[in-house]
């Protein structure tokens, strides 16, 4: 099913604006075809995200002189309305920021936190065995303290220029007047109708009269508009206390599967500034979000492991290149499962995992001519006892990504989520869905008598795979990229960086390159693309393969003599620049 920009949106664009308007194939509708299109070029600024209405909201802010942080607020608040299954006020986000004035790179952690009443046994049944995944997801038990609203405010406080109160105008207008339900949203609501029916409020919004909202129908959300008005007027105090906060807590604690979130959890929430994690690759630095995200560390490890090999000469159609990339990913994921978690609670060997000597030793494992028969976590340099067990927590994809470069040269990469599609399936009275982020924790606390780093603990932030990334060369950004996709985010982002840097693809071609991801041994190959044709060659190298939907949502901007932007043709996003 194809999607085009609305006539009103096209008419709103000035003549000099460039926009990627090619048709896309939304997940859950008609497959995952990767359609060829040219990157968008611009001289001054660029914004790309998962929905054209959200991107135009950001473009308006940039066109009027706003910064990348200003534009992000406008984009995120519209995304929370038009693709509520992926992100919103009830979720969390990670943001990577390059400041053109100072040359500094930093990150903001807006990840959700476990309520203070949560214990390591949160998702264990009375007999001590883990709950089934969706039994834990649907309802209040999975809801963590949301971080996205405070992240928006903190980013604007640090780097914004446009008046805060005006950044919600587009989202408020769309919520009040209504927006056309996209093919992707309609398909996903229909697919998830049983779970969306668990809550009366959620069902009333997404399944009016018992029927899934239809593609092209007009959907309004007056409650969301009112919440945004409160945020515009009073800042995030209006979210973390008062009527909105009380509605969140009542929804969580009154669910059929009640959770333990309290008003004190909301009051205590804070965004954390963290040092960016950077890994060297091909005379560049690939920088992103450190723990509690595993994104930058695991992407950095994959790239560090393949660097000794001439992936560029092999080319994207080489099974040998993908053997090296796939097994590098398996090695990195083994370390991820053992060592990576919220570093405020568990020591994480960040430097050791990216230590050049350690990666060189691990890279030697890739020097054979077939797949590794098995992989295990390594022993990176570390000053702590290595008494951790491997995590097997489940991450099912939803999430969204925003990339922005403004006229001042500031760059923003932000990945934003409510975790699983439609999160906990609980719609708060304020008109937004609540996350199920706590199911990103390990359900089990120990294995073989050793603790699991990513176990539930009060106030802890669950490990994430989100990998908002800024690639730096000569202390300047050259690529801003990120994706949704659960734990496959890491492979999607690594693929795009390799395609752009090693295979000299423009940013749009790098995004559209068929996805091939190996995390735990099986090579996932994107259905309906040339990746599926490589199954035989990879099997001859010793891999198990599975051809399946691999719906990334990559949105990237390359910075050179001009800005070039790309949007993932697997979803509904666009890039706009001037």
Protein backbone atom coordinates (compact mmCIF):
# COMPACT_ATOMS: atom_id res chain seq x y z
CA UNK A 1 0.00 0.00 0.00
CA UNK A 2 1.52 3.31 -1.08
CA UNK A 3 1.48 6.60 0.77
CA UNK A 4 1.97 10.12 -0.54
CA UNK A 5 2.18 13.47 1.18
CA UNK A 6 -1.11 15.23 1.69
CA UNK A 7 -1.89 18.07 -0.71
CA UNK A 8 -2.01 20.58 2.13
CA UNK A 9 1.45 19.56 3.29
CA UNK A 10 2.92 19.81 -0.20
CA UNK A 11 1.39 23.25 -0.70
CA UNK A 12 2.94 24.37 2.60
CA UNK A 13 6.45 23.68 1.38
CA UNK A 14 8.42 26.58 -0.10
CA UNK A 15 9.75 26.14 -3.62
CA UNK A 16 13.36 25.75 -2.47
CA UNK A 17 12.62 22.93 -0.02
CA UNK A 18 13.59 19.42 -1.03
CA UNK A 19 11.67 16.46 0.24
CA UNK A 20 11.83 12.72 -0.26
CA UNK A 21 8.27 11.83 -1.28
CA UNK A 22 8.74 8.39 -2.82
CA UNK A 23 6.22 5.72 -2.00
CA UNK A 24 6.90 3.42 0.91
CA UNK A 25 5.66 0.06 2.03
CA UNK A 26 4.64 0.22 5.69
CA UNK A 27 5.23 -2.73 7.96
CA UNK A 28 2.15 -4.85 8.35
CA UNK A 29 0.64 -3.68 5.05
CA UNK A 30 2.27 -5.11 1.92
CA UNK A 31 5.80 -6.20 2.78
CA UNK A 32 9.23 -4.65 3.15
CA UNK A 33 10.27 -3.64 -0.36
CA UNK A 34 13.23 -1.28 -0.49
CA UNK A 35 12.50 1.22 -3.25
CA UNK A 36 15.22 3.22 -4.96
CA UNK A 37 15.16 6.98 -4.56
CA UNK A 38 17.67 9.78 -4.48
CA UNK A 39 18.85 11.43 -1.29
CA UNK A 40 17.50 14.88 -0.46
CA UNK A 41 20.06 17.68 -0.77
CA UNK A 42 20.08 20.96 1.13
CA UNK A 43 22.45 23.82 1.89
CA UNK A 44 21.33 25.02 5.32
CA UNK A 45 19.31 22.53 7.38
CA UNK A 46 17.76 19.09 7.23
CA UNK A 47 15.28 17.03 9.26
CA UNK A 48 14.23 13.44 8.72
CA UNK A 49 11.88 11.26 10.75
CA UNK A 50 9.22 8.60 10.46
CA UNK A 51 6.13 10.58 9.41
CA UNK A 52 5.75 13.47 6.95
CA UNK A 53 3.48 15.48 9.26
CA UNK A 54 6.09 15.32 12.02
CA UNK A 55 8.94 16.18 9.67
CA UNK A 56 7.08 19.20 8.35
CA UNK A 57 6.52 20.40 11.92
CA UNK A 58 10.28 20.26 12.46
CA UNK A 59 10.94 21.91 9.11
CA UNK A 60 8.69 24.82 10.03
CA UNK A 61 10.70 25.41 13.18
CA UNK A 62 14.02 25.24 11.32
CA UNK A 63 12.71 27.47 8.55
CA UNK A 64 11.85 30.10 11.16
CA UNK A 65 15.36 30.03 12.65
CA UNK A 66 14.98 27.41 15.34
CA UNK A 67 17.70 25.02 16.41
CA UNK A 68 17.85 21.25 16.00
CA UNK A 69 16.67 20.94 19.62
CA UNK A 70 13.67 23.16 18.91
CA UNK A 71 12.79 21.14 15.83
CA UNK A 72 13.08 17.87 17.73
CA UNK A 73 10.42 18.98 20.24
CA UNK A 74 8.00 19.74 17.41
CA UNK A 75 8.79 16.47 15.62
CA UNK A 76 8.44 14.31 18.74
CA UNK A 77 5.13 15.77 19.85
CA UNK A 78 3.62 15.13 16.40
CA UNK A 79 5.11 11.63 16.23
CA UNK A 80 3.44 10.82 19.54
CA UNK A 81 0.12 11.62 17.90
CA UNK A 82 0.43 10.21 14.37
CA UNK A 83 2.48 7.08 15.14
CA UNK A 84 1.57 6.47 18.79
CA UNK A 85 2.55 2.82 18.54
CA UNK A 86 6.22 3.80 18.46
CA UNK A 87 6.93 6.71 20.80
CA UNK A 88 5.38 9.52 22.79
CA UNK A 89 5.09 11.33 26.10
CA UNK A 90 4.59 8.04 27.91
CA UNK A 91 7.97 6.67 26.85
CA UNK A 92 11.67 7.44 26.89
CA UNK A 93 14.50 8.47 24.57
CA UNK A 94 18.24 8.82 24.12
CA UNK A 95 19.66 11.95 22.50
CA UNK A 96 23.14 12.60 21.06
CA UNK A 97 24.02 16.26 20.46
CA UNK A 98 26.88 17.95 18.60
CA UNK A 99 27.25 21.61 19.52
CA UNK A 100 28.66 23.60 16.60
CA UNK A 101 29.65 26.57 18.76
CA UNK A 102 31.78 24.56 21.19
CA UNK A 103 32.62 21.48 19.13
CA UNK A 104 31.45 19.34 22.05
CA UNK A 105 29.52 16.10 21.80
CA UNK A 106 27.27 14.96 24.63
CA UNK A 107 24.32 12.70 25.31
CA UNK A 108 21.13 12.97 27.33
CA UNK A 109 19.58 9.88 28.91
CA UNK A 110 15.79 10.11 29.03
CA UNK A 111 15.34 6.37 29.56
CA UNK A 112 12.46 5.21 31.74
CA UNK A 113 13.24 4.04 35.28
CA UNK A 114 11.89 1.15 37.31
CA UNK A 115 9.52 2.25 40.08
CA UNK A 116 11.06 2.26 43.54
CA UNK A 117 8.66 -0.53 44.54
CA UNK A 118 9.95 -2.81 41.76
CA UNK A 119 12.04 -5.78 42.82
CA UNK A 120 14.26 -8.21 40.87
CA UNK A 121 11.36 -10.68 41.03
CA UNK A 122 8.93 -8.33 39.27
CA UNK A 123 8.36 -10.69 36.34
CA UNK A 124 8.65 -14.01 38.16
CA UNK A 125 5.57 -16.10 38.87
CA UNK A 126 4.81 -17.54 42.29
CA UNK A 127 6.71 -20.72 41.39
CA UNK A 128 9.83 -18.70 40.54
CA UNK A 129 9.62 -19.15 36.76
CA UNK A 130 9.51 -16.16 34.37
CA UNK A 131 6.20 -14.84 33.08
CA UNK A 132 5.39 -15.22 29.40
CA UNK A 133 6.51 -12.09 27.56
CA UNK A 134 3.14 -10.64 26.56
CA UNK A 135 1.60 -11.59 29.89
CA UNK A 136 4.13 -9.17 31.36
CA UNK A 137 3.82 -6.51 28.65
CA UNK A 138 0.09 -5.84 28.60
CA UNK A 139 -1.04 -3.90 31.66
CA UNK A 140 0.52 -1.77 34.36
CA UNK A 141 3.27 -4.11 35.56
CA UNK A 142 5.54 -3.25 32.61
CA UNK A 143 5.27 0.55 32.89
CA UNK A 144 8.39 2.49 33.83
CA UNK A 145 8.59 6.16 34.79
CA UNK A 146 8.41 8.10 31.49
CA UNK A 147 11.39 10.23 30.52
CA UNK A 148 10.54 11.77 27.14
CA UNK A 149 8.79 14.97 28.36
CA UNK A 150 11.69 15.91 30.63
CA UNK A 151 14.20 15.13 27.88
CA UNK A 152 12.39 17.52 25.53
CA UNK A 153 12.48 20.26 28.15
CA UNK A 154 16.12 19.68 29.07
CA UNK A 155 17.27 19.71 25.43
CA UNK A 156 15.34 22.92 24.82
CA UNK A 157 16.73 24.52 27.99
CA UNK A 158 20.29 23.76 26.88
CA UNK A 159 20.14 24.31 23.15
CA UNK A 160 16.78 25.83 22.19
CA UNK A 161 16.14 29.28 20.76
CA UNK A 162 12.47 29.26 19.77
CA UNK A 163 9.91 30.00 22.49
CA UNK A 164 9.01 26.71 24.21
CA UNK A 165 5.28 27.47 24.15
CA UNK A 166 5.19 27.64 20.33
CA UNK A 167 6.83 24.27 19.68
CA UNK A 168 3.60 22.37 20.37
CA UNK A 169 1.44 24.28 17.89
CA UNK A 170 1.53 21.72 15.07
CA UNK A 171 0.79 18.78 17.35
CA UNK A 172 -2.04 20.63 19.12
CA UNK A 173 -3.61 21.60 15.80
CA UNK A 174 -3.44 18.07 14.42
CA UNK A 175 -4.80 16.60 17.65
CA UNK A 176 -7.76 18.98 17.69
CA UNK A 177 -8.58 19.09 13.97
CA UNK A 178 -7.67 15.48 13.31
CA UNK A 179 -5.17 13.78 11.04
CA UNK A 180 -5.54 11.11 8.38
CA UNK A 181 -4.73 7.65 9.73
CA UNK A 182 -1.73 6.34 7.81
CA UNK A 183 -1.60 2.90 6.17
CA UNK A 184 1.00 1.74 8.69
CA UNK A 185 -0.97 2.83 11.76
CA UNK A 186 -4.19 1.31 10.44
CA UNK A 187 -2.49 -2.01 9.67
CA UNK A 188 -0.79 -2.22 13.06
CA UNK A 189 -3.98 -1.40 14.97
CA UNK A 190 -5.84 -4.15 13.10
CA UNK A 191 -3.03 -6.61 13.78
CA UNK A 192 -2.95 -5.79 17.52
CA UNK A 193 -6.68 -5.44 18.09
CA UNK A 194 -6.90 -8.20 20.71
CA UNK A 195 -4.29 -6.62 22.99
CA UNK A 196 -5.62 -3.09 22.40
CA UNK A 197 -9.01 -4.32 23.62
CA UNK A 198 -7.70 -5.07 27.11
CA UNK A 199 -8.13 -1.43 28.21
CA UNK A 200 -11.48 0.32 27.70
CA UNK A 201 -9.83 3.68 27.09
CA UNK A 202 -7.37 2.24 24.57
CA UNK A 203 -10.10 0.35 22.76
CA UNK A 204 -12.33 3.42 22.58
CA UNK A 205 -9.55 5.37 20.82
CA UNK A 206 -8.11 2.76 18.45
CA UNK A 207 -11.15 0.49 18.03
CA UNK A 208 -14.23 2.77 18.01
CA UNK A 209 -17.44 0.75 17.87
CA UNK A 210 -15.29 -2.36 18.00
CA UNK A 211 -13.65 -1.68 14.63
CA UNK A 212 -10.01 -0.85 14.02
CA UNK A 213 -9.45 2.71 12.82
CA UNK A 214 -9.35 2.70 9.02
CA UNK A 215 -6.66 3.99 6.73
CA UNK A 216 -7.51 7.54 5.65
CA UNK A 217 -10.06 8.09 8.40
CA UNK A 218 -9.72 11.20 10.55
CA UNK A 219 -8.52 10.64 14.10
CA UNK A 220 -8.75 13.33 16.77
CA UNK A 221 -7.27 13.38 20.27
CA UNK A 222 -8.59 16.26 22.37
CA UNK A 223 -7.03 14.87 25.55
CA UNK A 224 -3.57 14.89 23.98
CA UNK A 225 -4.09 18.48 22.80
CA UNK A 226 -4.95 19.50 26.35
CA UNK A 227 -1.86 17.76 27.76
CA UNK A 228 0.33 19.58 25.23
CA UNK A 229 -1.26 22.90 26.20
CA UNK A 230 -0.34 22.23 29.80
CA UNK A 231 3.24 21.40 28.81
CA UNK A 232 3.44 24.50 26.63
CA UNK A 233 2.20 26.71 29.46
CA UNK A 234 3.75 25.15 32.57
CA UNK A 235 6.62 22.98 31.35
CA UNK A 236 7.09 19.42 32.53
CA UNK A 237 5.86 20.21 36.04
CA UNK A 238 2.46 19.76 34.40
CA UNK A 239 3.40 16.20 33.48
CA UNK A 240 5.31 14.92 36.50
CA UNK A 241 2.84 16.29 39.05
CA UNK A 242 -0.82 17.28 39.14
CA UNK A 243 -3.65 15.93 37.05
CA UNK A 244 -1.58 14.34 34.28
CA UNK A 245 0.65 12.49 36.74
CA UNK A 246 -2.33 11.36 38.79
CA UNK A 247 -3.94 10.00 35.62
CA UNK A 248 -0.81 8.03 34.75
CA UNK A 249 -0.57 6.45 38.18
CA UNK A 250 -4.29 5.65 38.33
CA UNK A 251 -4.08 3.98 34.91
CA UNK A 252 -1.07 1.86 35.89
CA UNK A 253 -2.37 0.81 39.27
CA UNK A 254 -5.93 0.28 38.08
CA UNK A 255 -5.04 -1.96 35.14
CA UNK A 256 -6.13 -5.59 34.98
CA UNK A 257 -2.47 -6.41 35.57
CA UNK A 258 -1.63 -3.56 37.98
CA UNK A 259 1.79 -2.01 38.24
CA UNK A 260 3.67 -0.39 41.11
CA UNK A 261 4.33 3.13 39.73
CA UNK A 262 3.65 5.97 42.19
CA UNK A 263 3.49 9.75 42.12
CA UNK A 264 6.81 9.78 44.01
CA UNK A 265 8.42 7.92 41.08
CA UNK A 266 7.27 10.63 38.70
CA UNK A 267 8.38 13.44 41.02
CA UNK A 268 11.83 11.89 41.45
CA UNK A 269 12.53 11.34 37.73
CA UNK A 270 15.49 13.15 36.19
CA UNK A 271 17.29 13.24 32.85
CA UNK A 272 20.98 12.32 33.07
CA UNK A 273 23.75 13.83 30.98
CA UNK A 274 26.31 11.16 30.07
CA UNK A 275 29.61 11.17 28.22
CA UNK A 276 29.30 9.96 24.65
CA UNK A 277 30.85 6.57 23.88
CA UNK A 278 33.06 6.81 20.79
CA UNK A 279 34.73 4.01 18.84
CA UNK A 280 37.37 4.59 16.14
CA UNK A 281 36.55 3.34 12.64
CA UNK A 282 38.22 4.13 9.30
CA UNK A 283 39.79 7.41 10.47
CA UNK A 284 36.48 8.45 12.02
CA UNK A 285 34.89 8.26 15.46
CA UNK A 286 31.50 6.56 15.73
CA UNK A 287 29.83 8.15 18.75
CA UNK A 288 26.63 7.41 20.55
CA UNK A 289 24.84 6.45 23.71
CA UNK A 290 26.57 4.47 26.41
CA UNK A 291 24.99 2.46 29.23
CA UNK A 292 22.15 1.99 29.96
CA UNK A 293 22.08 1.66 26.17
CA UNK A 294 24.11 -1.09 24.58
CA UNK A 295 23.89 0.72 21.24
CA UNK A 296 27.19 2.59 20.96
CA UNK A 297 29.24 -0.15 22.60
CA UNK A 298 27.86 -2.95 20.44
CA UNK A 299 27.96 -0.96 17.18
CA UNK A 300 31.49 0.14 18.10
CA UNK A 301 32.56 -3.44 18.78
CA UNK A 302 31.15 -4.68 15.47
CA UNK A 303 33.02 -1.98 13.56
CA UNK A 304 36.21 -2.53 15.55
CA UNK A 305 36.10 -6.27 14.88
CA UNK A 306 35.72 -5.89 11.10
CA UNK A 307 38.23 -3.05 10.70
CA UNK A 308 41.23 -5.38 10.08
CA UNK A 309 39.39 -6.82 7.07
CA UNK A 310 38.99 -5.11 3.69
CA UNK A 311 35.22 -5.07 3.72
CA UNK A 312 35.22 -2.21 1.20
CA UNK A 313 36.98 -4.25 -1.49
CA UNK A 314 34.63 -7.20 -0.94
CA UNK A 315 31.52 -5.14 -1.62
CA UNK A 316 27.92 -5.43 -0.41
CA UNK A 317 27.13 -8.51 -2.51
CA UNK A 318 29.94 -10.58 -0.99
CA UNK A 319 28.93 -13.48 1.23
CA UNK A 320 32.45 -13.33 2.69
CA UNK A 321 31.93 -9.71 3.76
CA UNK A 322 28.66 -10.64 5.45
CA UNK A 323 30.30 -13.66 7.10
CA UNK A 324 32.75 -11.31 8.78
CA UNK A 325 30.06 -8.75 9.68
CA UNK A 326 27.68 -11.44 10.92
CA UNK A 327 30.18 -13.19 13.15
CA UNK A 328 31.51 -9.84 14.42
CA UNK A 329 27.95 -9.05 15.44
CA UNK A 330 27.61 -12.41 17.23
CA UNK A 331 30.80 -11.75 19.20
CA UNK A 332 29.62 -8.25 20.12
CA UNK A 333 26.20 -9.54 21.19
CA UNK A 334 27.84 -12.14 23.41
CA UNK A 335 29.66 -9.35 25.25
CA UNK A 336 26.47 -7.30 25.31
CA UNK A 337 24.53 -10.07 27.01
CA UNK A 338 27.20 -10.53 29.67
CA UNK A 339 28.36 -7.02 30.54
CA UNK A 340 25.98 -4.26 29.43
CA UNK A 341 23.36 -2.73 31.72
CA UNK A 342 22.67 0.50 33.62
CA UNK A 343 26.14 1.57 34.76
CA UNK A 344 24.64 3.50 37.68
CA UNK A 345 23.78 0.09 39.18
CA UNK A 346 26.20 -2.39 37.62
CA UNK A 347 29.88 -1.79 36.76
CA UNK A 348 30.29 -1.93 32.96
CA UNK A 349 33.74 -2.32 31.33
CA UNK A 350 33.12 0.44 28.78
CA UNK A 351 36.80 1.11 27.98
CA UNK A 352 37.69 -2.57 28.05
CA UNK A 353 34.98 -3.54 25.57
CA UNK A 354 36.41 -1.05 23.05
CA UNK A 355 40.07 -1.63 23.94
CA UNK A 356 42.01 -1.97 20.64
CA UNK A 357 44.09 -4.91 21.85
CA UNK A 358 40.99 -6.73 23.07
CA UNK A 359 39.14 -6.15 19.79
CA UNK A 360 42.20 -7.22 17.78
CA UNK A 361 42.32 -10.47 19.73
CA UNK A 362 38.61 -11.07 19.16
CA UNK A 363 38.94 -10.08 15.48
CA UNK A 364 41.44 -12.91 14.95
CA UNK A 365 38.52 -15.28 15.48
CA UNK A 366 37.09 -14.02 12.18
CA UNK A 367 40.15 -14.98 10.11
CA UNK A 368 38.82 -18.40 9.05
CA UNK A 369 36.81 -19.20 5.97
CA UNK A 370 33.49 -20.23 7.46
CA UNK A 371 31.15 -19.20 10.28
CA UNK A 372 32.14 -19.55 13.91
CA UNK A 373 30.65 -22.77 15.31
CA UNK A 374 29.88 -21.03 18.59
CA UNK A 375 30.62 -17.73 20.32
CA UNK A 376 30.89 -16.67 23.93
CA UNK A 377 31.58 -13.48 25.84
CA UNK A 378 35.21 -12.45 25.99
CA UNK A 379 37.27 -11.16 28.90
CA UNK A 380 37.84 -7.44 28.28
CA UNK A 381 40.31 -5.52 30.45
CA UNK A 382 38.44 -4.62 33.64
CA UNK A 383 39.14 -3.88 37.26
CA UNK A 384 36.09 -5.74 38.58
CA UNK A 385 35.52 -9.43 39.19
CA UNK A 386 33.71 -10.96 36.22
CA UNK A 387 30.97 -12.79 38.07
CA UNK A 388 28.06 -12.03 35.76
CA UNK A 389 25.81 -14.39 33.86
CA UNK A 390 24.41 -13.94 30.36
CA UNK A 391 21.16 -12.07 29.84
CA UNK A 392 18.40 -13.38 27.59
CA UNK A 393 15.90 -10.55 27.82
CA UNK A 394 13.52 -10.11 24.90
CA UNK A 395 13.26 -6.92 22.87
CA UNK A 396 10.47 -6.76 20.30
CA UNK A 397 10.73 -3.81 17.93
CA UNK A 398 8.81 -0.59 17.84
CA UNK A 399 10.49 2.79 18.46
CA UNK A 400 11.26 5.74 16.13
CA UNK A 401 14.25 7.87 15.17
CA UNK A 402 14.82 11.57 14.45
CA UNK A 403 17.89 13.12 12.80
CA UNK A 404 18.30 16.91 12.52
CA UNK A 405 21.02 19.33 11.40
CA UNK A 406 20.23 23.03 11.80
CA UNK A 407 21.53 26.14 10.02
CA UNK A 408 24.13 26.73 12.74
CA UNK A 409 25.62 23.29 12.18
CA UNK A 410 24.28 21.70 15.35
CA UNK A 411 23.46 18.02 14.89
CA UNK A 412 20.95 15.90 16.81
CA UNK A 413 20.37 12.15 16.73
CA UNK A 414 17.52 10.91 18.92
CA UNK A 415 15.95 7.47 19.19
CA UNK A 416 12.64 7.46 21.02
CA UNK A 417 10.36 4.64 22.14
CA UNK A 418 7.53 3.18 24.19
CA UNK A 419 9.20 -0.24 23.60
CA UNK A 420 6.81 -2.81 22.08
CA UNK A 421 4.24 -1.64 19.53
CA UNK A 422 1.58 0.33 21.48
CA UNK A 423 3.65 -0.17 24.65
CA UNK A 424 1.68 -1.50 27.62
CA UNK A 425 -1.56 -0.95 25.65
CA UNK A 426 -2.65 1.48 28.35
CA UNK A 427 -3.88 4.90 27.21
CA UNK A 428 -3.47 7.49 29.95
CA UNK A 429 -6.24 10.07 30.47
CA UNK A 430 -3.84 12.62 28.95
CA UNK A 431 -4.25 11.00 25.54
CA UNK A 432 -0.92 9.15 25.21
CA UNK A 433 0.11 5.52 25.50
CA UNK A 434 2.25 4.29 28.39
CA UNK A 435 5.44 2.33 27.80
CA UNK A 436 6.17 -1.31 28.60
CA UNK A 437 9.87 -0.53 29.05
CA UNK A 438 10.37 -2.66 32.15
CA UNK A 439 10.16 -5.78 29.98
CA UNK A 440 13.56 -4.76 28.57
CA UNK A 441 14.96 -6.01 31.87
CA UNK A 442 15.90 -9.65 32.27
CA UNK A 443 12.95 -11.52 33.74
CA UNK A 444 15.37 -13.82 35.55
CA UNK A 445 17.68 -12.47 38.24
CA UNK A 446 20.45 -15.09 38.26
CA UNK A 447 21.74 -17.98 36.24
CA UNK A 448 23.99 -20.72 37.60
CA UNK A 449 24.25 -18.77 40.83
CA UNK A 450 25.61 -15.64 39.15
CA UNK A 451 23.64 -12.36 38.92
CA UNK A 452 22.44 -11.04 35.57
CA UNK A 453 23.58 -7.45 35.03
CA UNK A 454 20.29 -6.37 33.44
CA UNK A 455 18.05 -7.62 36.26
CA UNK A 456 15.24 -5.43 37.63
CA UNK A 457 16.21 -3.10 40.50
CA UNK A 458 14.38 -0.09 42.01
CA UNK A 459 15.13 3.11 40.10
CA UNK A 460 17.26 1.29 37.52
CA UNK A 461 17.05 1.98 33.78
CA UNK A 462 16.57 -1.13 31.61
CA UNK A 463 19.23 -1.92 29.06
CA UNK A 464 18.39 -0.68 25.58
CA UNK A 465 19.61 -1.34 22.04
CA UNK A 466 18.79 2.16 20.85
CA UNK A 467 21.77 3.53 18.97
CA UNK A 468 21.40 7.21 18.06
CA UNK A 469 24.75 7.89 16.40
CA UNK A 470 26.85 10.79 15.18
CA UNK A 471 29.95 9.86 13.17
CA UNK A 472 32.75 12.38 13.60
CA UNK A 473 35.76 13.03 11.36
CA UNK A 474 38.33 15.71 12.15
CA UNK A 475 36.14 16.76 15.10
CA UNK A 476 33.18 17.49 12.81
CA UNK A 477 30.02 15.44 12.27
CA UNK A 478 29.83 13.62 8.93
CA UNK A 479 26.85 11.32 9.53
CA UNK A 480 23.80 11.48 11.82
CA UNK A 481 21.93 8.17 11.93
CA UNK A 482 19.73 5.87 13.98
CA UNK A 483 16.86 3.41 13.72
CA UNK A 484 14.09 1.58 15.55
CA UNK A 485 13.99 -2.20 15.51
CA UNK A 486 14.50 -3.75 18.95
CA UNK A 487 17.88 -5.40 19.36
CA UNK A 488 18.23 -5.43 15.55
CA UNK A 489 18.72 -1.64 15.76
CA UNK A 490 22.41 -2.34 16.29
CA UNK A 491 22.70 -4.29 13.04
CA UNK A 492 20.67 -1.75 11.07
CA UNK A 493 22.87 1.14 12.20
CA UNK A 494 26.12 -0.78 11.67
CA UNK A 495 24.99 -1.78 8.17
CA UNK A 496 24.27 1.82 7.22
CA UNK A 497 27.62 3.07 8.51
CA UNK A 498 29.48 0.30 6.66
CA UNK A 499 27.54 0.92 3.44
CA UNK A 500 28.22 4.66 3.58
CA UNK A 501 31.85 4.52 4.68
CA UNK A 502 33.14 1.27 3.14
CA UNK A 503 30.96 0.86 0.09
CA UNK A 504 30.70 4.57 -0.80
CA UNK A 505 26.91 4.55 -0.94
CA UNK A 506 25.02 7.79 -0.60
CA UNK A 507 23.00 8.03 2.56
CA UNK A 508 19.70 7.04 0.94
CA UNK A 509 21.22 3.99 -0.76
CA UNK A 510 22.91 2.97 2.49
CA UNK A 511 19.57 3.13 4.31
CA UNK A 512 17.75 1.18 1.60
CA UNK A 513 20.43 -1.54 1.35
CA UNK A 514 18.71 -4.83 2.26
CA UNK A 515 19.00 -5.68 5.93
CA UNK A 516 21.04 -8.70 7.04
CA UNK A 517 21.36 -9.16 10.79
CA UNK A 518 23.01 -11.84 12.91
CA UNK A 519 22.76 -11.54 16.68
CA UNK A 520 22.74 -15.04 18.11
CA UNK A 521 23.71 -17.37 15.26
CA UNK A 522 20.84 -17.29 12.77
CA UNK A 523 21.32 -14.86 9.89
CA UNK A 524 18.09 -12.88 9.43
CA UNK A 525 17.70 -11.91 5.76
CA UNK A 526 15.22 -9.30 4.57
CA UNK A 527 12.31 -10.81 2.72
CA UNK A 528 11.64 -9.61 -0.81
CA UNK A 529 15.16 -8.27 -1.36
CA UNK A 530 18.48 -9.44 -2.73
CA UNK A 531 19.46 -10.35 0.83
CA UNK A 532 17.15 -13.37 0.61
CA UNK A 533 19.10 -14.54 -2.44
CA UNK A 534 22.23 -14.84 -0.31
CA UNK A 535 20.74 -17.58 1.87
CA UNK A 536 22.42 -20.39 -0.04
CA UNK A 537 25.87 -18.80 -0.01
CA UNK A 538 25.64 -18.10 3.72
CA UNK A 539 24.44 -21.61 4.43
CA UNK A 540 27.50 -22.95 2.59
CA UNK A 541 29.59 -20.89 5.02
CA UNK A 542 27.91 -22.65 7.92
CA UNK A 543 25.14 -20.23 8.92
CA UNK A 544 21.53 -20.98 9.62
CA UNK A 545 19.37 -18.44 7.80
CA UNK A 546 15.84 -17.12 8.10
CA UNK A 547 14.13 -14.95 5.50
CA UNK A 548 11.76 -12.56 7.26
CA UNK A 549 10.48 -8.99 7.51
CA UNK A 550 13.24 -6.71 8.77
CA UNK A 551 11.51 -3.36 9.01
CA UNK A 552 14.12 -0.86 10.06
CA UNK A 553 13.26 2.83 10.33
CA UNK A 554 16.62 4.39 9.51
CA UNK A 555 16.74 8.16 9.19
CA UNK A 556 20.09 9.72 8.41
CA UNK A 557 21.81 12.91 7.31
CA UNK A 558 25.30 13.04 5.77
CA UNK A 559 27.25 16.27 6.21
CA UNK A 560 29.69 17.30 3.48
CA UNK A 561 29.78 20.19 1.04
CA UNK A 562 26.00 19.99 1.28
CA UNK A 563 23.59 18.12 3.52
CA UNK A 564 22.13 14.91 2.11
CA UNK A 565 19.25 13.23 3.89
CA UNK A 566 17.58 9.86 3.63
CA UNK A 567 14.46 8.20 5.00
CA UNK A 568 13.83 4.48 5.25
CA UNK A 569 11.58 3.33 2.37
CA UNK A 570 10.29 0.54 4.61
CA UNK A 571 8.28 3.08 6.63
CA UNK A 572 6.44 6.35 6.03
CA UNK A 573 9.20 8.82 6.78
CA UNK A 574 10.62 11.62 4.68
CA UNK A 575 13.55 14.03 4.72
CA UNK A 576 13.06 17.79 4.26
CA UNK A 577 15.82 20.34 3.85
CA UNK A 578 16.55 23.78 2.46
